[in-house]
Each structure stands twice: as structure tokens, then as C-alpha cells.
PDB file of N, CA and C in Angstrom:
ATOM      1  N   MET A   1      35.325   9.725 -90.508  1.00  0.00           N
ATOM      2  CA  MET A   1      34.891   9.431 -89.159  1.00  0.00           C
ATOM      3  C   MET A   1      33.605   8.625 -89.128  1.00  0.00           C
ATOM      4  N   ASN A   2      33.086   8.225 -90.229  1.00  0.00           N
ATOM      5  CA  ASN A   2      31.851   7.457 -90.245  1.00  0.00           C
ATOM      6  C   ASN A   2      32.068   6.066 -89.689  1.00  0.00           C
ATOM      7  N   ASN A   3      31.091   5.630 -88.875  1.00  0.00           N
ATOM      8  CA  ASN A   3      31.063   4.271 -88.341  1.00  0.00           C
ATOM      9  C   ASN A   3      32.339   3.879 -87.604  1.00  0.00           C
ATOM     10  N   GLU A   4      32.895   4.798 -86.855  1.00  0.00           N
ATOM     11  CA  GLU A   4      34.070   4.495 -86.043  1.00  0.00           C
ATOM     12  C   GLU A   4      33.727   4.683 -84.574  1.00  0.00           C
ATOM     13  N   ILE A   5      34.270   3.825 -83.742  1.00  0.00           N
ATOM     14  CA  ILE A   5      34.175   4.022 -82.301  1.00  0.00           C
ATOM     15  C   ILE A   5      35.371   4.865 -81.903  1.00  0.00           C
ATOM     16  N   MET A   6      35.093   5.982 -81.206  1.00  0.00           N
ATOM     17  CA  MET A   6      36.169   6.906 -80.862  1.00  0.00           C
ATOM     18  C   MET A   6      36.148   7.201 -79.365  1.00  0.00           C
ATOM     19  N   PRO A   7      37.296   7.210 -78.712  1.00  0.00           N
ATOM     20  CA  PRO A   7      37.372   7.585 -77.294  1.00  0.00           C
ATOM     21  C   PRO A   7      37.281   9.113 -77.168  1.00  0.00           C
ATOM     22  N   LEU A   8      36.074   9.610 -76.951  1.00  0.00           N
ATOM     23  CA  LEU A   8      35.783  11.045 -76.998  1.00  0.00           C
ATOM     24  C   LEU A   8      36.746  11.887 -76.170  1.00  0.00           C
ATOM     25  N   VAL A   9      36.954  11.510 -74.914  1.00  0.00           N
ATOM     26  CA  VAL A   9      37.790  12.310 -74.017  1.00  0.00           C
ATOM     27  C   VAL A   9      39.255  12.335 -74.465  1.00  0.00           C
ATOM     28  N   GLU A  10      39.667  11.351 -75.274  1.00  0.00           N
ATOM     29  CA  GLU A  10      41.048  11.291 -75.749  1.00  0.00           C
ATOM     30  C   GLU A  10      41.238  11.978 -77.109  1.00  0.00           C
ATOM     31  N   MET A  11      40.160  12.491 -77.686  1.00  0.00           N
ATOM     32  CA  MET A  11      40.247  13.115 -79.006  1.00  0.00           C
ATOM     33  C   MET A  11      40.798  14.539 -78.966  1.00  0.00           C
ATOM     34  N   ILE A  12      40.975  15.075 -77.758  1.00  0.00           N
ATOM     35  CA  ILE A  12      41.492  16.438 -77.613  1.00  0.00           C
ATOM     36  C   ILE A  12      42.402  16.466 -76.388  1.00  0.00           C
ATOM     37  N   ASN A  13      43.463  17.265 -76.453  1.00  0.00           N
ATOM     38  CA  ASN A  13      44.436  17.333 -75.370  1.00  0.00           C
ATOM     39  C   ASN A  13      44.483  18.731 -74.770  1.00  0.00           C
ATOM     40  N   TYR A  14      44.862  18.779 -73.508  1.00  0.00           N
ATOM     41  CA  TYR A  14      45.070  20.056 -72.834  1.00  0.00           C
ATOM     42  C   TYR A  14      46.344  20.707 -73.342  1.00  0.00           C
ATOM     43  N   GLN A  15      46.355  22.057 -73.361  1.00  0.00           N
ATOM     44  CA  GLN A  15      47.564  22.815 -73.648  1.00  0.00           C
ATOM     45  C   GLN A  15      47.709  23.867 -72.559  1.00  0.00           C
ATOM     46  N   ASN A  16      48.925  24.028 -72.033  1.00  0.00           N
ATOM     47  CA  ASN A  16      49.165  24.986 -70.960  1.00  0.00           C
ATOM     48  C   ASN A  16      48.697  26.380 -71.348  1.00  0.00           C
ATOM     49  N   GLY A  17      47.884  26.985 -70.469  1.00  0.00           N
ATOM     50  CA  GLY A  17      47.431  28.349 -70.654  1.00  0.00           C
ATOM     51  C   GLY A  17      46.516  28.567 -71.846  1.00  0.00           C
ATOM     52  N   ALA A  18      45.839  27.514 -72.304  1.00  0.00           N
ATOM     53  CA  ALA A  18      45.064  27.653 -73.540  1.00  0.00           C
ATOM     54  C   ALA A  18      43.704  26.967 -73.462  1.00  0.00           C
ATOM     55  N   VAL A  19      42.863  27.364 -74.408  1.00  0.00           N
ATOM     56  CA  VAL A  19      41.606  26.694 -74.688  1.00  0.00           C
ATOM     57  C   VAL A  19      41.759  26.079 -76.070  1.00  0.00           C
ATOM     58  N   VAL A  20      41.507  24.780 -76.176  1.00  0.00           N
ATOM     59  CA  VAL A  20      41.654  24.058 -77.436  1.00  0.00           C
ATOM     60  C   VAL A  20      40.271  23.572 -77.856  1.00  0.00           C
ATOM     61  N   SER A  21      39.960  23.689 -79.149  1.00  0.00           N
ATOM     62  CA  SER A  21      38.676  23.177 -79.630  1.00  0.00           C
ATOM     63  C   SER A  21      38.885  22.309 -80.863  1.00  0.00           C
ATOM     64  N   LYS A  22      37.948  21.380 -81.036  1.00  0.00           N
ATOM     65  CA  LYS A  22      37.981  20.483 -82.189  1.00  0.00           C
ATOM     66  C   LYS A  22      36.546  20.218 -82.615  1.00  0.00           C
ATOM     67  N   THR A  23      36.210  20.606 -83.844  1.00  0.00           N
ATOM     68  CA  THR A  23      34.867  20.393 -84.355  1.00  0.00           C
ATOM     69  C   THR A  23      34.712  18.940 -84.791  1.00  0.00           C
ATOM     70  N   ILE A  24      33.657  18.308 -84.292  1.00  0.00           N
ATOM     71  CA  ILE A  24      33.355  16.912 -84.626  1.00  0.00           C
ATOM     72  C   ILE A  24      32.335  16.860 -85.764  1.00  0.00           C
ATOM     73  N   ILE A  25      31.288  17.688 -85.671  1.00  0.00           N
ATOM     74  CA  ILE A  25      30.259  17.797 -86.702  1.00  0.00           C
ATOM     75  C   ILE A  25      29.980  19.274 -86.936  1.00  0.00           C
ATOM     76  N   ASP A  26      29.906  19.663 -88.196  1.00  0.00           N
ATOM     77  CA  ASP A  26      29.565  21.038 -88.556  1.00  0.00           C
ATOM     78  C   ASP A  26      28.608  20.992 -89.733  1.00  0.00           C
ATOM     79  N   LYS A  27      27.340  21.177 -89.436  1.00  0.00           N
ATOM     80  CA  LYS A  27      26.281  21.132 -90.445  1.00  0.00           C
ATOM     81  C   LYS A  27      25.448  22.404 -90.351  1.00  0.00           C
ATOM     82  N   ASN A  28      24.652  22.662 -91.366  1.00  0.00           N
ATOM     83  CA  ASN A  28      23.751  23.812 -91.328  1.00  0.00           C
ATOM     84  C   ASN A  28      22.798  23.736 -90.148  1.00  0.00           C
ATOM     85  N   THR A  29      22.435  22.527 -89.745  1.00  0.00           N
ATOM     86  CA  THR A  29      21.475  22.333 -88.665  1.00  0.00           C
ATOM     87  C   THR A  29      22.090  22.352 -87.272  1.00  0.00           C
ATOM     88  N   GLY A  30      23.416  22.294 -87.175  1.00  0.00           N
ATOM     89  CA  GLY A  30      24.040  22.349 -85.862  1.00  0.00           C
ATOM     90  C   GLY A  30      25.488  21.916 -85.851  1.00  0.00           C
ATOM     91  N   THR A  31      26.102  22.060 -84.680  1.00  0.00           N
ATOM     92  CA  THR A  31      27.509  21.696 -84.511  1.00  0.00           C
ATOM     93  C   THR A  31      27.698  20.888 -83.238  1.00  0.00           C
ATOM     94  N   VAL A  32      28.738  20.062 -83.266  1.00  0.00           N
ATOM     95  CA  VAL A  32      29.201  19.344 -82.081  1.00  0.00           C
ATOM     96  C   VAL A  32      30.699  19.620 -81.998  1.00  0.00           C
ATOM     97  N   THR A  33      31.125  20.210 -80.873  1.00  0.00           N
ATOM     98  CA  THR A  33      32.513  20.632 -80.731  1.00  0.00           C
ATOM     99  C   THR A  33      33.070  20.181 -79.391  1.00  0.00           C
ATOM    100  N   LEU A  34      34.282  19.642 -79.430  1.00  0.00           N
ATOM    101  CA  LEU A  34      35.014  19.281 -78.218  1.00  0.00           C
ATOM    102  C   LEU A  34      35.864  20.465 -77.784  1.00  0.00           C
ATOM    103  N   PHE A  35      35.972  20.682 -76.484  1.00  0.00           N
ATOM    104  CA  PHE A  35      36.831  21.729 -75.936  1.00  0.00           C
ATOM    105  C   PHE A  35      37.675  21.145 -74.813  1.00  0.00           C
ATOM    106  N   ALA A  36      38.910  21.635 -74.685  1.00  0.00           N
ATOM    107  CA  ALA A  36      39.783  21.332 -73.552  1.00  0.00           C
ATOM    108  C   ALA A  36      40.284  22.667 -73.006  1.00  0.00           C
ATOM    109  N   PHE A  37      40.026  22.921 -71.731  1.00  0.00           N
ATOM    110  CA  PHE A  37      40.409  24.177 -71.077  1.00  0.00           C
ATOM    111  C   PHE A  37      41.463  23.882 -70.024  1.00  0.00           C
ATOM    112  N   ASP A  38      42.575  24.598 -70.077  1.00  0.00           N
ATOM    113  CA  ASP A  38      43.558  24.521 -69.006  1.00  0.00           C
ATOM    114  C   ASP A  38      42.957  25.211 -67.777  1.00  0.00           C
ATOM    115  N   MET A  39      43.324  24.761 -66.585  1.00  0.00           N
ATOM    116  CA  MET A  39      42.803  25.351 -65.356  1.00  0.00           C
ATOM    117  C   MET A  39      42.937  26.868 -65.377  1.00  0.00           C
ATOM    118  N   GLY A  40      41.871  27.563 -65.013  1.00  0.00           N
ATOM    119  CA  GLY A  40      41.866  29.017 -64.971  1.00  0.00           C
ATOM    120  C   GLY A  40      41.475  29.683 -66.280  1.00  0.00           C
ATOM    121  N   GLN A  41      41.476  28.940 -67.367  1.00  0.00           N
ATOM    122  CA  GLN A  41      41.076  29.492 -68.657  1.00  0.00           C
ATOM    123  C   GLN A  41      39.553  29.530 -68.753  1.00  0.00           C
ATOM    124  N   GLY A  42      39.041  30.315 -69.675  1.00  0.00           N
ATOM    125  CA  GLY A  42      37.593  30.388 -69.811  1.00  0.00           C
ATOM    126  C   GLY A  42      37.174  31.112 -71.073  1.00  0.00           C
ATOM    127  N   LEU A  43      35.900  31.384 -71.130  1.00  0.00           N
ATOM    128  CA  LEU A  43      35.317  32.178 -72.209  1.00  0.00           C
ATOM    129  C   LEU A  43      34.600  33.344 -71.561  1.00  0.00           C
ATOM    130  N   SER A  44      34.845  34.545 -72.060  1.00  0.00           N
ATOM    131  CA  SER A  44      34.200  35.721 -71.501  1.00  0.00           C
ATOM    132  C   SER A  44      32.711  35.721 -71.851  1.00  0.00           C
ATOM    133  N   GLU A  45      31.965  36.544 -71.165  1.00  0.00           N
ATOM    134  CA  GLU A  45      30.517  36.566 -71.351  1.00  0.00           C
ATOM    135  C   GLU A  45      30.156  36.864 -72.800  1.00  0.00           C
ATOM    136  N   HIS A  46      29.222  36.080 -73.311  1.00  0.00           N
ATOM    137  CA  HIS A  46      28.749  36.237 -74.681  1.00  0.00           C
ATOM    138  C   HIS A  46      27.350  35.627 -74.781  1.00  0.00           C
ATOM    139  N   THR A  47      26.725  35.768 -75.930  1.00  0.00           N
ATOM    140  CA  THR A  47      25.435  35.138 -76.181  1.00  0.00           C
ATOM    141  C   THR A  47      25.527  34.327 -77.463  1.00  0.00           C
ATOM    142  N   ALA A  48      24.581  33.412 -77.621  1.00  0.00           N
ATOM    143  CA  ALA A  48      24.472  32.620 -78.850  1.00  0.00           C
ATOM    144  C   ALA A  48      22.996  32.603 -79.247  1.00  0.00           C
ATOM    145  N   PRO A  49      22.713  32.570 -80.528  1.00  0.00           N
ATOM    146  CA  PRO A  49      21.317  32.649 -80.964  1.00  0.00           C
ATOM    147  C   PRO A  49      20.526  31.344 -80.805  1.00  0.00           C
ATOM    148  N   PHE A  50      21.184  30.279 -80.356  1.00  0.00           N
ATOM    149  CA  PHE A  50      20.534  28.978 -80.236  1.00  0.00           C
ATOM    150  C   PHE A  50      20.849  28.356 -78.883  1.00  0.00           C
ATOM    151  N   ASP A  51      19.981  27.432 -78.429  1.00  0.00           N
ATOM    152  CA  ASP A  51      20.264  26.674 -77.214  1.00  0.00           C
ATOM    153  C   ASP A  51      21.553  25.877 -77.407  1.00  0.00           C
ATOM    154  N   ALA A  52      22.298  25.704 -76.320  1.00  0.00           N
ATOM    155  CA  ALA A  52      23.527  24.920 -76.361  1.00  0.00           C
ATOM    156  C   ALA A  52      23.500  23.916 -75.212  1.00  0.00           C
ATOM    157  N   LEU A  53      23.891  22.686 -75.496  1.00  0.00           N
ATOM    158  CA  LEU A  53      23.996  21.639 -74.492  1.00  0.00           C
ATOM    159  C   LEU A  53      25.469  21.433 -74.174  1.00  0.00           C
ATOM    160  N   VAL A  54      25.834  21.613 -72.909  1.00  0.00           N
ATOM    161  CA  VAL A  54      27.208  21.404 -72.447  1.00  0.00           C
ATOM    162  C   VAL A  54      27.254  20.101 -71.666  1.00  0.00           C
ATOM    163  N   GLN A  55      28.151  19.208 -72.068  1.00  0.00           N
ATOM    164  CA  GLN A  55      28.374  17.950 -71.356  1.00  0.00           C
ATOM    165  C   GLN A  55      29.821  17.948 -70.881  1.00  0.00           C
ATOM    166  N   VAL A  56      30.031  17.895 -69.562  1.00  0.00           N
ATOM    167  CA  VAL A  56      31.383  17.901 -69.006  1.00  0.00           C
ATOM    168  C   VAL A  56      31.939  16.476 -69.056  1.00  0.00           C
ATOM    169  N   LEU A  57      33.054  16.318 -69.766  1.00  0.00           N
ATOM    170  CA  LEU A  57      33.680  15.010 -69.960  1.00  0.00           C
ATOM    171  C   LEU A  57      34.778  14.726 -68.943  1.00  0.00           C
ATOM    172  N   ASP A  58      35.401  15.797 -68.427  1.00  0.00           N
ATOM    173  CA  ASP A  58      36.531  15.652 -67.509  1.00  0.00           C
ATOM    174  C   ASP A  58      36.668  16.943 -66.718  1.00  0.00           C
ATOM    175  N   GLY A  59      36.993  16.855 -65.451  1.00  0.00           N
ATOM    176  CA  GLY A  59      37.280  18.038 -64.650  1.00  0.00           C
ATOM    177  C   GLY A  59      36.044  18.778 -64.174  1.00  0.00           C
ATOM    178  N   GLU A  60      36.243  20.077 -63.851  1.00  0.00           N
ATOM    179  CA  GLU A  60      35.181  20.907 -63.291  1.00  0.00           C
ATOM    180  C   GLU A  60      35.202  22.294 -63.897  1.00  0.00           C
ATOM    181  N   VAL A  61      34.009  22.893 -63.987  1.00  0.00           N
ATOM    182  CA  VAL A  61      33.867  24.213 -64.591  1.00  0.00           C
ATOM    183  C   VAL A  61      32.772  24.991 -63.862  1.00  0.00           C
ATOM    184  N   GLU A  62      32.929  26.307 -63.832  1.00  0.00           N
ATOM    185  CA  GLU A  62      31.848  27.176 -63.392  1.00  0.00           C
ATOM    186  C   GLU A  62      31.301  27.866 -64.630  1.00  0.00           C
ATOM    187  N   ILE A  63      29.999  27.706 -64.839  1.00  0.00           N
ATOM    188  CA  ILE A  63      29.319  28.369 -65.952  1.00  0.00           C
ATOM    189  C   ILE A  63      28.342  29.364 -65.353  1.00  0.00           C
ATOM    190  N   ARG A  64      28.416  30.605 -65.811  1.00  0.00           N
ATOM    191  CA  ARG A  64      27.477  31.637 -65.368  1.00  0.00           C
ATOM    192  C   ARG A  64      26.487  31.878 -66.501  1.00  0.00           C
ATOM    193  N   ILE A  65      25.206  31.747 -66.168  1.00  0.00           N
ATOM    194  CA  ILE A  65      24.143  31.997 -67.136  1.00  0.00           C
ATOM    195  C   ILE A  65      23.278  33.117 -66.582  1.00  0.00           C
ATOM    196  N   SER A  66      23.220  34.226 -67.292  1.00  0.00           N
ATOM    197  CA  SER A  66      22.500  35.418 -66.831  1.00  0.00           C
ATOM    198  C   SER A  66      22.921  35.789 -65.417  1.00  0.00           C
ATOM    199  N   GLY A  67      24.237  35.678 -65.142  1.00  0.00           N
ATOM    200  CA  GLY A  67      24.807  36.064 -63.860  1.00  0.00           C
ATOM    201  C   GLY A  67      24.738  35.008 -62.769  1.00  0.00           C
ATOM    202  N   LYS A  68      23.993  33.918 -62.975  1.00  0.00           N
ATOM    203  CA  LYS A  68      23.861  32.873 -61.957  1.00  0.00           C
ATOM    204  C   LYS A  68      24.919  31.798 -62.174  1.00  0.00           C
ATOM    205  N   PRO A  69      25.723  31.482 -61.124  1.00  0.00           N
ATOM    206  CA  PRO A  69      26.777  30.473 -61.280  1.00  0.00           C
ATOM    207  C   PRO A  69      26.253  29.039 -61.139  1.00  0.00           C
ATOM    208  N   PHE A  70      26.807  28.163 -61.964  1.00  0.00           N
ATOM    209  CA  PHE A  70      26.525  26.734 -61.910  1.00  0.00           C
ATOM    210  C   PHE A  70      27.866  26.008 -61.910  1.00  0.00           C
ATOM    211  N   HIS A  71      28.068  25.121 -60.933  1.00  0.00           N
ATOM    212  CA  HIS A  71      29.316  24.366 -60.827  1.00  0.00           C
ATOM    213  C   HIS A  71      29.051  22.964 -61.351  1.00  0.00           C
ATOM    214  N   LEU A  72      29.738  22.598 -62.432  1.00  0.00           N
ATOM    215  CA  LEU A  72      29.544  21.292 -63.048  1.00  0.00           C
ATOM    216  C   LEU A  72      30.821  20.484 -62.975  1.00  0.00           C
ATOM    217  N   LYS A  73      30.643  19.161 -62.899  1.00  0.00           N
ATOM    218  CA  LYS A  73      31.784  18.257 -62.898  1.00  0.00           C
ATOM    219  C   LYS A  73      31.532  17.128 -63.893  1.00  0.00           C
ATOM    220  N   GLN A  74      32.526  16.290 -64.058  1.00  0.00           N
ATOM    221  CA  GLN A  74      32.476  15.189 -65.010  1.00  0.00           C
ATOM    222  C   GLN A  74      31.148  14.434 -64.930  1.00  0.00           C
ATOM    223  N   GLY A  75      30.545  14.217 -66.098  1.00  0.00           N
ATOM    224  CA  GLY A  75      29.304  13.463 -66.184  1.00  0.00           C
ATOM    225  C   GLY A  75      28.047  14.299 -66.094  1.00  0.00           C
ATOM    226  N   GLU A  76      28.185  15.602 -65.830  1.00  0.00           N
ATOM    227  CA  GLU A  76      27.012  16.468 -65.700  1.00  0.00           C
ATOM    228  C   GLU A  76      26.798  17.297 -66.960  1.00  0.00           C
ATOM    229  N   ILE A  77      25.534  17.691 -67.163  1.00  0.00           N
ATOM    230  CA  ILE A  77      25.185  18.519 -68.323  1.00  0.00           C
ATOM    231  C   ILE A  77      24.388  19.728 -67.874  1.00  0.00           C
ATOM    232  N   ILE A  78      24.353  20.734 -68.748  1.00  0.00           N
ATOM    233  CA  ILE A  78      23.495  21.895 -68.548  1.00  0.00           C
ATOM    234  C   ILE A  78      23.119  22.424 -69.927  1.00  0.00           C
ATOM    235  N   ILE A  79      21.921  22.978 -70.022  1.00  0.00           N
ATOM    236  CA  ILE A  79      21.493  23.626 -71.258  1.00  0.00           C
ATOM    237  C   ILE A  79      21.605  25.130 -71.060  1.00  0.00           C
ATOM    238  N   ILE A  80      22.286  25.775 -71.983  1.00  0.00           N
ATOM    239  CA  ILE A  80      22.392  27.237 -71.980  1.00  0.00           C
ATOM    240  C   ILE A  80      21.342  27.748 -72.968  1.00  0.00           C
ATOM    241  N   PRO A  81      20.324  28.450 -72.469  1.00  0.00           N
ATOM    242  CA  PRO A  81      19.261  28.912 -73.358  1.00  0.00           C
ATOM    243  C   PRO A  81      19.750  29.940 -74.376  1.00  0.00           C
ATOM    244  N   ALA A  82      19.109  29.930 -75.526  1.00  0.00           N
ATOM    245  CA  ALA A  82      19.428  30.885 -76.586  1.00  0.00           C
ATOM    246  C   ALA A  82      19.321  32.313 -76.068  1.00  0.00           C
ATOM    247  N   SER A  83      20.241  33.143 -76.505  1.00  0.00           N
ATOM    248  CA  SER A  83      20.254  34.586 -76.246  1.00  0.00           C
ATOM    249  C   SER A  83      20.488  34.976 -74.794  1.00  0.00           C
ATOM    250  N   LYS A  84      20.804  34.032 -73.926  1.00  0.00           N
ATOM    251  CA  LYS A  84      21.127  34.354 -72.530  1.00  0.00           C
ATOM    252  C   LYS A  84      22.629  34.576 -72.410  1.00  0.00           C
ATOM    253  N   PRO A  85      23.057  35.674 -71.766  1.00  0.00           N
ATOM    254  CA  PRO A  85      24.495  35.887 -71.592  1.00  0.00           C
ATOM    255  C   PRO A  85      25.088  34.795 -70.703  1.00  0.00           C
ATOM    256  N   HIS A  86      26.251  34.301 -71.117  1.00  0.00           N
ATOM    257  CA  HIS A  86      26.900  33.240 -70.357  1.00  0.00           C
ATOM    258  C   HIS A  86      28.414  33.345 -70.504  1.00  0.00           C
ATOM    259  N   ALA A  87      29.102  32.797 -69.508  1.00  0.00           N
ATOM    260  CA  ALA A  87      30.568  32.779 -69.485  1.00  0.00           C
ATOM    261  C   ALA A  87      30.972  31.507 -68.752  1.00  0.00           C
ATOM    262  N   LEU A  88      32.209  31.096 -68.941  1.00  0.00           N
ATOM    263  CA  LEU A  88      32.674  29.938 -68.189  1.00  0.00           C
ATOM    264  C   LEU A  88      34.134  30.062 -67.840  1.00  0.00           C
ATOM    265  N   LYS A  89      34.491  29.375 -66.737  1.00  0.00           N
ATOM    266  CA  LYS A  89      35.872  29.368 -66.260  1.00  0.00           C
ATOM    267  C   LYS A  89      36.196  27.987 -65.726  1.00  0.00           C
ATOM    268  N   ALA A  90      37.348  27.461 -66.133  1.00  0.00           N
ATOM    269  CA  ALA A  90      37.787  26.134 -65.705  1.00  0.00           C
ATOM    270  C   ALA A  90      38.245  26.180 -64.250  1.00  0.00           C
ATOM    271  N   VAL A  91      37.559  25.427 -63.383  1.00  0.00           N
ATOM    272  CA  VAL A  91      37.947  25.301 -61.974  1.00  0.00           C
ATOM    273  C   VAL A  91      39.174  24.401 -61.889  1.00  0.00           C
ATOM    274  N   SER A  92      39.238  23.411 -62.758  1.00  0.00           N
ATOM    275  CA  SER A  92      40.394  22.536 -62.937  1.00  0.00           C
ATOM    276  C   SER A  92      40.549  22.370 -64.445  1.00  0.00           C
ATOM    277  N   ASN A  93      41.548  21.644 -64.890  1.00  0.00           N
ATOM    278  CA  ASN A  93      41.554  21.285 -66.305  1.00  0.00           C
ATOM    279  C   ASN A  93      40.204  20.635 -66.583  1.00  0.00           C
ATOM    280  N   PHE A  94      39.576  21.012 -67.674  1.00  0.00           N
ATOM    281  CA  PHE A  94      38.312  20.353 -67.968  1.00  0.00           C
ATOM    282  C   PHE A  94      38.069  20.262 -69.460  1.00  0.00           C
ATOM    283  N   LYS A  95      37.302  19.219 -69.826  1.00  0.00           N
ATOM    284  CA  LYS A  95      36.918  18.997 -71.219  1.00  0.00           C
ATOM    285  C   LYS A  95      35.405  18.951 -71.296  1.00  0.00           C
ATOM    286  N   MET A  96      34.879  19.501 -72.388  1.00  0.00           N
ATOM    287  CA  MET A  96      33.438  19.468 -72.580  1.00  0.00           C
ATOM    288  C   MET A  96      33.103  19.190 -74.032  1.00  0.00           C
ATOM    289  N   LEU A  97      31.904  18.670 -74.215  1.00  0.00           N
ATOM    290  CA  LEU A  97      31.334  18.490 -75.535  1.00  0.00           C
ATOM    291  C   LEU A  97      30.179  19.485 -75.624  1.00  0.00           C
ATOM    292  N   LEU A  98      30.225  20.363 -76.622  1.00  0.00           N
ATOM    293  CA  LEU A  98      29.212  21.389 -76.833  1.00  0.00           C
ATOM    294  C   LEU A  98      28.394  21.023 -78.060  1.00  0.00           C
ATOM    295  N   THR A  99      27.079  20.890 -77.873  1.00  0.00           N
ATOM    296  CA  THR A  99      26.183  20.588 -78.978  1.00  0.00           C
ATOM    297  C   THR A  99      25.232  21.760 -79.147  1.00  0.00           C
ATOM    298  N   MET A 100      25.221  22.322 -80.362  1.00  0.00           N
ATOM    299  CA  MET A 100      24.332  23.434 -80.659  1.00  0.00           C
ATOM    300  C   MET A 100      23.465  23.054 -81.857  1.00  0.00           C
ATOM    301  N   ILE A 101      22.152  23.153 -81.678  1.00  0.00           N
ATOM    302  CA  ILE A 101      21.205  22.856 -82.737  1.00  0.00           C
ATOM    303  C   ILE A 101      20.661  24.185 -83.256  1.00  0.00           C
ATOM    304  N   ARG A 102      20.794  24.409 -84.548  1.00  0.00           N
ATOM    305  CA  ARG A 102      20.425  25.701 -85.142  1.00  0.00           C
ATOM    306  C   ARG A 102      19.016  25.702 -85.737  1.00  0.00           C
ATOM    307  N   SER A 103      18.055  25.198 -84.996  1.00  0.00           N
ATOM    308  CA  SER A 103      16.680  25.240 -85.501  1.00  0.00           C
ATOM    309  C   SER A 103      15.704  25.213 -84.354  1.00  0.00           C
TER     310      SER A 103
END
């Protein structure tokens, strides 16, 4: 994948009733992962030890951080602080790029 131009939103496809993920970079210092969520799918509340940057590539999602809801759509980003409980649910089919830096 070095030195290639890639259509990010086309690198992952939706699957009915599923959440699909594809790791783009996986290093000791951090990860970059693509996700595709079918409408209504989500991730239950959890925490992560590092800050995470969510970039919505397609569709809409509700992300709850420490119980507070945030509605994001294509082109918007949010930072999920380390150790804060968070969950998300696809309002429509949606794709996101998740970047986590482990330092």
C-alpha cells in the first residue's frame, strides 16, 4: 500500500446487519481503521486507553461520550478522550475512519 492513491470510502463495503472493519495501519504507536456500519448497528459502551479521532466518511452516526449524545454526518470529526465511556449507533449506513495514537 505504499505510495498509492486509494479511494478511502470505496475500500470497505456495507454488509446487511453487520459492522465491517479493515485495518489500514497497525503500528506500536497507533492504528488507523476503516469501519462500515449497516443502519441500526453499533458498538456497545466501552472505553479505550487512548484518545481516538473519528472521521465520518459517509452517512450519519450518534456517538455517546460519557452519556452525552453527538450526532455526526459525513465530513465531520470528533475526538473521543481516553478512558471516557463511549458507544455508537448508525443512524443510517455509515462509514468512519478511526485513528488511535498510543502515546
